[in-house]
Amino acid sequence: MNSEKENKNRKYDLQDRLLDFSVRIINVVEALPNTRAGNHIAGQLIRCGTSPAPNYGEARSAESRKDFIHKIKIVLKELRETDVWPNIIQRRKLFSKSNNKLHALIVECNELISIFVTSVKTARKNKGSKK
């Protein structure tokens, strides 16, 4: 019975991780300065940084393996775009909070990118097998 609960929890760990990532993105956006550059970056970052969670939700309900791969690649594309903005913020020193929080966000984004790269490779490899 305990292993069934663990499997159920594991199933949603990635979704929870993406939701937490979205919240962290929102926190960074809220801390950016109200300047032309800050507002531009905030707009870009809020769009790409909060989209992986709902896109992953769509992928989990994919109609086929091909559809799943397509949706996971969208998650990956958004994460790769997201990865650029915190680096710009860091280089320009636009973030008013601890630089460690921004660094941790960059690390998390890179870890999520790695997870989804692997997911795409695995899905492609298993393409021929039945679900």
N, C-alpha and C. Protein backbone atom coordinates (compact mmCIF):
# COMPACT_ATOMS: atom_id res chain seq x y z
N MET A 1 0.83 -1.19 0.00
CA MET A 1 0.00 0.00 0.00
C MET A 1 0.88 1.25 0.00
N ASN A 2 1.96 1.24 0.76
CA ASN A 2 2.85 2.39 0.84
C ASN A 2 3.51 2.68 -0.51
N SER A 3 3.90 1.63 -1.24
CA SER A 3 4.55 1.86 -2.54
C SER A 3 3.56 2.45 -3.54
N GLU A 4 2.28 2.11 -3.42
CA GLU A 4 1.27 2.71 -4.30
C GLU A 4 1.18 4.21 -4.06
N LYS A 5 1.25 4.62 -2.79
CA LYS A 5 1.22 6.04 -2.45
C LYS A 5 2.48 6.74 -2.98
N GLU A 6 3.63 6.07 -2.85
CA GLU A 6 4.89 6.65 -3.36
C GLU A 6 4.82 6.85 -4.87
N ASN A 7 4.29 5.85 -5.59
CA ASN A 7 4.16 5.97 -7.05
C ASN A 7 3.24 7.11 -7.42
N LYS A 8 2.13 7.26 -6.69
CA LYS A 8 1.21 8.36 -6.96
C LYS A 8 1.88 9.70 -6.71
N ASN A 9 2.65 9.81 -5.63
CA ASN A 9 3.36 11.05 -5.33
C ASN A 9 4.42 11.34 -6.39
N ARG A 10 5.15 10.33 -6.82
CA ARG A 10 6.18 10.52 -7.84
C ARG A 10 5.57 11.01 -9.15
N LYS A 11 4.37 10.53 -9.45
CA LYS A 11 3.70 10.90 -10.69
C LYS A 11 3.50 12.42 -10.77
N TYR A 12 3.26 13.04 -9.64
CA TYR A 12 2.97 14.47 -9.62
C TYR A 12 4.15 15.33 -9.18
N ASP A 13 5.29 14.72 -8.87
CA ASP A 13 6.45 15.49 -8.43
C ASP A 13 6.89 16.51 -9.48
N LEU A 14 6.95 16.12 -10.72
CA LEU A 14 7.41 17.03 -11.78
C LEU A 14 6.41 18.17 -11.97
N GLN A 15 5.13 17.87 -11.91
CA GLN A 15 4.13 18.93 -12.01
C GLN A 15 4.29 19.91 -10.85
N ASP A 16 4.46 19.40 -9.64
CA ASP A 16 4.67 20.27 -8.48
C ASP A 16 5.94 21.09 -8.62
N ARG A 17 6.97 20.47 -9.13
CA ARG A 17 8.23 21.17 -9.32
C ARG A 17 8.07 22.31 -10.32
N LEU A 18 7.32 22.08 -11.37
CA LEU A 18 7.07 23.12 -12.36
C LEU A 18 6.19 24.24 -11.78
N LEU A 19 5.24 23.87 -10.95
CA LEU A 19 4.41 24.89 -10.29
C LEU A 19 5.26 25.74 -9.35
N ASP A 20 6.13 25.10 -8.59
CA ASP A 20 7.04 25.84 -7.70
C ASP A 20 7.96 26.75 -8.51
N PHE A 21 8.42 26.26 -9.65
CA PHE A 21 9.27 27.05 -10.53
C PHE A 21 8.52 28.29 -11.01
N SER A 22 7.25 28.13 -11.38
CA SER A 22 6.43 29.26 -11.83
C SER A 22 6.29 30.31 -10.73
N VAL A 23 6.08 29.85 -9.51
CA VAL A 23 5.96 30.78 -8.37
C VAL A 23 7.27 31.52 -8.16
N ARG A 24 8.38 30.83 -8.29
CA ARG A 24 9.68 31.48 -8.14
C ARG A 24 9.90 32.52 -9.24
N ILE A 25 9.46 32.20 -10.45
CA ILE A 25 9.54 33.15 -11.57
C ILE A 25 8.72 34.40 -11.23
N ILE A 26 7.52 34.21 -10.74
CA ILE A 26 6.65 35.33 -10.38
C ILE A 26 7.33 36.19 -9.31
N ASN A 27 7.95 35.56 -8.34
CA ASN A 27 8.65 36.30 -7.28
C ASN A 27 9.79 37.16 -7.85
N VAL A 28 10.53 36.62 -8.80
CA VAL A 28 11.60 37.38 -9.44
C VAL A 28 11.01 38.55 -10.22
N VAL A 29 9.96 38.28 -10.99
CA VAL A 29 9.33 39.34 -11.78
C VAL A 29 8.84 40.47 -10.89
N GLU A 30 8.23 40.12 -9.77
CA GLU A 30 7.72 41.13 -8.84
C GLU A 30 8.83 41.97 -8.21
N ALA A 31 10.05 41.43 -8.18
CA ALA A 31 11.17 42.15 -7.56
C ALA A 31 11.96 42.98 -8.57
N LEU A 32 11.62 42.88 -9.85
CA LEU A 32 12.34 43.66 -10.86
C LEU A 32 11.96 45.13 -10.76
N PRO A 33 12.90 46.01 -11.14
CA PRO A 33 12.60 47.44 -11.05
C PRO A 33 11.54 47.87 -12.06
N ASN A 34 10.82 48.89 -11.71
CA ASN A 34 9.78 49.44 -12.58
C ASN A 34 10.43 50.43 -13.56
N THR A 35 11.26 49.89 -14.44
CA THR A 35 11.94 50.68 -15.47
C THR A 35 11.55 50.10 -16.83
N ARG A 36 11.95 50.75 -17.89
CA ARG A 36 11.63 50.23 -19.21
C ARG A 36 12.24 48.83 -19.40
N ALA A 37 13.50 48.67 -19.03
CA ALA A 37 14.17 47.36 -19.15
C ALA A 37 13.54 46.35 -18.20
N GLY A 38 13.32 46.76 -16.96
CA GLY A 38 12.72 45.85 -15.97
C GLY A 38 11.35 45.36 -16.40
N ASN A 39 10.53 46.27 -16.92
CA ASN A 39 9.19 45.90 -17.36
C ASN A 39 9.22 44.99 -18.60
N HIS A 40 10.13 45.27 -19.51
CA HIS A 40 10.26 44.42 -20.70
C HIS A 40 10.65 43.00 -20.30
N ILE A 41 11.68 42.89 -19.49
CA ILE A 41 12.15 41.57 -19.05
C ILE A 41 11.07 40.88 -18.23
N ALA A 42 10.38 41.61 -17.38
CA ALA A 42 9.31 41.04 -16.56
C ALA A 42 8.23 40.42 -17.45
N GLY A 43 7.83 41.13 -18.48
CA GLY A 43 6.81 40.63 -19.38
C GLY A 43 7.24 39.36 -20.10
N GLN A 44 8.47 39.37 -20.59
CA GLN A 44 8.99 38.20 -21.29
C GLN A 44 9.12 37.01 -20.35
N LEU A 45 9.69 37.27 -19.16
CA LEU A 45 9.95 36.21 -18.20
C LEU A 45 8.66 35.61 -17.63
N ILE A 46 7.67 36.44 -17.39
CA ILE A 46 6.42 35.92 -16.83
C ILE A 46 5.73 35.00 -17.83
N ARG A 47 5.82 35.34 -19.12
CA ARG A 47 5.18 34.50 -20.14
C ARG A 47 5.89 33.16 -20.30
N CYS A 48 7.18 33.20 -20.54
CA CYS A 48 7.88 31.94 -20.80
C CYS A 48 8.13 31.14 -19.52
N GLY A 49 8.32 31.81 -18.41
CA GLY A 49 8.66 31.12 -17.17
C GLY A 49 7.50 30.46 -16.47
N THR A 50 6.28 30.91 -16.76
CA THR A 50 5.12 30.28 -16.13
C THR A 50 4.41 29.31 -17.08
N SER A 51 4.82 29.25 -18.32
CA SER A 51 4.13 28.37 -19.28
C SER A 51 4.53 26.89 -19.20
N PRO A 52 5.73 26.52 -18.73
CA PRO A 52 6.04 25.08 -18.69
C PRO A 52 5.06 24.25 -17.86
N ALA A 53 4.58 24.76 -16.74
CA ALA A 53 3.66 23.98 -15.89
C ALA A 53 2.36 23.63 -16.62
N PRO A 54 1.65 24.61 -17.18
CA PRO A 54 0.42 24.22 -17.89
C PRO A 54 0.67 23.42 -19.16
N ASN A 55 1.78 23.69 -19.84
CA ASN A 55 2.10 22.90 -21.03
C ASN A 55 2.41 21.46 -20.67
N TYR A 56 3.07 21.25 -19.53
CA TYR A 56 3.32 19.88 -19.07
C TYR A 56 2.00 19.21 -18.70
N GLY A 57 1.09 19.98 -18.11
CA GLY A 57 -0.24 19.43 -17.82
C GLY A 57 -0.92 18.94 -19.08
N GLU A 58 -0.80 19.69 -20.16
CA GLU A 58 -1.35 19.26 -21.45
C GLU A 58 -0.65 18.01 -21.96
N ALA A 59 0.66 17.96 -21.80
CA ALA A 59 1.42 16.80 -22.28
C ALA A 59 0.98 15.52 -21.57
N ARG A 60 0.66 15.65 -20.30
CA ARG A 60 0.22 14.48 -19.53
C ARG A 60 -1.10 13.93 -20.04
N SER A 61 -1.82 14.74 -20.79
CA SER A 61 -3.09 14.29 -21.37
C SER A 61 -3.00 14.16 -22.89
N ALA A 62 -1.81 13.95 -23.38
CA ALA A 62 -1.60 13.86 -24.82
C ALA A 62 -2.42 12.72 -25.43
N GLU A 63 -2.83 12.92 -26.66
CA GLU A 63 -3.67 11.95 -27.35
C GLU A 63 -2.87 10.83 -28.00
N SER A 64 -1.57 11.05 -28.17
CA SER A 64 -0.71 10.03 -28.78
C SER A 64 0.73 10.31 -28.33
N ARG A 65 1.60 9.37 -28.62
CA ARG A 65 3.01 9.57 -28.29
C ARG A 65 3.58 10.76 -29.07
N LYS A 66 3.18 10.89 -30.34
CA LYS A 66 3.63 12.02 -31.16
C LYS A 66 3.16 13.34 -30.54
N ASP A 67 1.92 13.39 -30.09
CA ASP A 67 1.37 14.57 -29.44
C ASP A 67 2.13 14.85 -28.14
N PHE A 68 2.42 13.80 -27.38
CA PHE A 68 3.18 13.95 -26.13
C PHE A 68 4.56 14.56 -26.41
N ILE A 69 5.26 14.02 -27.38
CA ILE A 69 6.59 14.54 -27.73
C ILE A 69 6.49 16.00 -28.14
N HIS A 70 5.52 16.33 -28.95
CA HIS A 70 5.33 17.72 -29.39
C HIS A 70 5.12 18.65 -28.19
N LYS A 71 4.26 18.26 -27.27
CA LYS A 71 3.96 19.11 -26.11
C LYS A 71 5.16 19.21 -25.15
N ILE A 72 5.89 18.13 -24.99
CA ILE A 72 7.09 18.16 -24.14
C ILE A 72 8.15 19.07 -24.78
N LYS A 73 8.23 19.05 -26.10
CA LYS A 73 9.18 19.94 -26.78
C LYS A 73 8.79 21.41 -26.60
N ILE A 74 7.51 21.70 -26.48
CA ILE A 74 7.07 23.07 -26.19
C ILE A 74 7.52 23.46 -24.78
N VAL A 75 7.36 22.55 -23.82
CA VAL A 75 7.84 22.80 -22.45
C VAL A 75 9.33 23.11 -22.49
N LEU A 76 10.07 22.30 -23.21
CA LEU A 76 11.52 22.47 -23.33
C LEU A 76 11.88 23.81 -23.98
N LYS A 77 11.17 24.17 -25.03
CA LYS A 77 11.41 25.45 -25.71
C LYS A 77 11.19 26.62 -24.75
N GLU A 78 10.12 26.58 -23.99
CA GLU A 78 9.83 27.65 -23.03
C GLU A 78 10.87 27.70 -21.92
N LEU A 79 11.32 26.55 -21.45
CA LEU A 79 12.37 26.52 -20.42
C LEU A 79 13.68 27.10 -20.95
N ARG A 80 14.00 26.80 -22.20
CA ARG A 80 15.24 27.34 -22.78
C ARG A 80 15.15 28.85 -22.93
N GLU A 81 14.00 29.37 -23.28
CA GLU A 81 13.84 30.82 -23.35
C GLU A 81 13.94 31.41 -21.94
N THR A 82 13.28 30.76 -21.00
CA THR A 82 13.31 31.22 -19.61
C THR A 82 14.73 31.33 -19.10
N ASP A 83 15.57 30.39 -19.48
CA ASP A 83 16.95 30.34 -19.00
C ASP A 83 17.75 31.60 -19.37
N VAL A 84 17.40 32.23 -20.46
CA VAL A 84 18.13 33.42 -20.91
C VAL A 84 17.88 34.63 -20.00
N TRP A 85 16.63 34.84 -19.63
CA TRP A 85 16.26 36.06 -18.91
C TRP A 85 16.91 36.21 -17.54
N PRO A 86 16.94 35.19 -16.68
CA PRO A 86 17.63 35.37 -15.39
C PRO A 86 19.12 35.67 -15.55
N ASN A 87 19.71 35.15 -16.62
CA ASN A 87 21.12 35.45 -16.87
C ASN A 87 21.30 36.92 -17.25
N ILE A 88 20.37 37.46 -18.02
CA ILE A 88 20.43 38.89 -18.35
C ILE A 88 20.23 39.72 -17.07
N ILE A 89 19.24 39.31 -16.27
CA ILE A 89 18.98 40.02 -15.01
C ILE A 89 20.22 40.01 -14.12
N GLN A 90 20.86 38.87 -14.05
CA GLN A 90 22.06 38.73 -13.21
C GLN A 90 23.21 39.59 -13.74
N ARG A 91 23.44 39.55 -15.03
CA ARG A 91 24.54 40.34 -15.61
C ARG A 91 24.31 41.84 -15.47
N ARG A 92 23.06 42.26 -15.59
CA ARG A 92 22.72 43.68 -15.50
C ARG A 92 22.48 44.13 -14.06
N LYS A 93 22.43 43.13 -13.14
CA LYS A 93 22.19 43.40 -11.72
C LYS A 93 20.86 44.13 -11.51
N LEU A 94 19.80 43.60 -12.13
CA LEU A 94 18.47 44.20 -12.04
C LEU A 94 17.66 43.66 -10.87
N PHE A 95 18.09 42.57 -10.29
CA PHE A 95 17.33 41.91 -9.24
C PHE A 95 17.70 42.50 -7.89
N SER A 96 16.70 42.99 -7.18
CA SER A 96 16.96 43.67 -5.91
C SER A 96 17.15 42.72 -4.74
N LYS A 97 16.74 41.48 -4.90
CA LYS A 97 16.87 40.49 -3.83
C LYS A 97 18.24 39.81 -3.89
N SER A 98 18.42 38.82 -3.03
CA SER A 98 19.66 38.05 -2.97
C SER A 98 19.99 37.44 -4.32
N ASN A 99 21.24 37.57 -4.73
CA ASN A 99 21.71 36.98 -5.98
C ASN A 99 21.67 35.46 -5.90
N ASN A 100 21.72 34.92 -4.67
CA ASN A 100 21.66 33.47 -4.50
C ASN A 100 20.31 32.91 -4.98
N LYS A 101 19.23 33.65 -4.75
CA LYS A 101 17.91 33.22 -5.20
C LYS A 101 17.85 33.15 -6.72
N LEU A 102 18.44 34.13 -7.37
CA LEU A 102 18.46 34.15 -8.82
C LEU A 102 19.32 33.00 -9.35
N HIS A 103 20.47 32.78 -8.71
CA HIS A 103 21.34 31.68 -9.11
C HIS A 103 20.62 30.34 -8.94
N ALA A 104 19.91 30.17 -7.83
CA ALA A 104 19.17 28.93 -7.59
C ALA A 104 18.09 28.72 -8.66
N LEU A 105 17.47 29.81 -9.11
CA LEU A 105 16.46 29.72 -10.16
C LEU A 105 17.10 29.27 -11.48
N ILE A 106 18.26 29.80 -11.77
CA ILE A 106 18.99 29.41 -12.99
C ILE A 106 19.36 27.93 -12.93
N VAL A 107 19.82 27.48 -11.78
CA VAL A 107 20.18 26.06 -11.60
C VAL A 107 18.95 25.18 -11.80
N GLU A 108 17.83 25.57 -11.19
CA GLU A 108 16.59 24.80 -11.32
C GLU A 108 16.13 24.75 -12.77
N CYS A 109 16.22 25.85 -13.47
CA CYS A 109 15.83 25.90 -14.88
C CYS A 109 16.69 24.92 -15.69
N ASN A 110 17.98 24.91 -15.44
CA ASN A 110 18.87 23.99 -16.16
C ASN A 110 18.58 22.54 -15.83
N GLU A 111 18.23 22.25 -14.58
CA GLU A 111 17.86 20.89 -14.19
C GLU A 111 16.57 20.46 -14.90
N LEU A 112 15.60 21.36 -14.96
CA LEU A 112 14.35 21.06 -15.65
C LEU A 112 14.59 20.84 -17.15
N ILE A 113 15.45 21.64 -17.73
CA ILE A 113 15.81 21.45 -19.15
C ILE A 113 16.38 20.04 -19.35
N SER A 114 17.28 19.63 -18.48
CA SER A 114 17.88 18.30 -18.58
C SER A 114 16.83 17.20 -18.48
N ILE A 115 15.89 17.37 -17.56
CA ILE A 115 14.82 16.38 -17.39
C ILE A 115 14.00 16.26 -18.67
N PHE A 116 13.66 17.38 -19.26
CA PHE A 116 12.80 17.34 -20.45
C PHE A 116 13.55 16.92 -21.70
N VAL A 117 14.85 17.20 -21.79
CA VAL A 117 15.65 16.68 -22.90
C VAL A 117 15.64 15.15 -22.83
N THR A 118 15.85 14.62 -21.63
CA THR A 118 15.83 13.17 -21.44
C THR A 118 14.46 12.60 -21.74
N SER A 119 13.42 13.30 -21.34
CA SER A 119 12.05 12.84 -21.59
C SER A 119 11.76 12.74 -23.09
N VAL A 120 12.20 13.72 -23.85
CA VAL A 120 12.00 13.69 -25.30
C VAL A 120 12.77 12.52 -25.90
N LYS A 121 14.02 12.34 -25.48
CA LYS A 121 14.82 11.22 -26.00
C LYS A 121 14.18 9.88 -25.68
N THR A 122 13.71 9.73 -24.45
CA THR A 122 13.07 8.48 -24.04
C THR A 122 11.80 8.23 -24.83
N ALA A 123 10.99 9.25 -24.98
CA ALA A 123 9.73 9.11 -25.73
C ALA A 123 10.01 8.74 -27.18
N ARG A 124 11.03 9.33 -27.77
CA ARG A 124 11.38 9.00 -29.16
C ARG A 124 11.88 7.57 -29.26
N LYS A 125 12.68 7.16 -28.28
CA LYS A 125 13.24 5.81 -28.28
C LYS A 125 12.14 4.78 -28.13
N ASN A 126 11.15 5.07 -27.32
CA ASN A 126 10.05 4.15 -27.06
C ASN A 126 8.91 4.29 -28.07
N LYS A 127 9.14 5.10 -29.08
CA LYS A 127 8.09 5.41 -30.06
C LYS A 127 7.52 4.14 -30.70
N GLY A 128 8.38 3.21 -30.97
CA GLY A 128 7.94 1.97 -31.63
C GLY A 128 7.22 1.01 -30.71
N SER A 129 7.43 1.12 -29.41
CA SER A 129 6.78 0.19 -28.49
C SER A 129 5.37 0.64 -28.18
N LYS A 130 4.53 -0.31 -27.82
CA LYS A 130 3.14 0.01 -27.46
C LYS A 130 3.08 0.54 -26.05
N LYS A 131 2.15 1.43 -25.82
CA LYS A 131 1.96 2.02 -24.51
C LYS A 131 1.19 1.10 -23.60
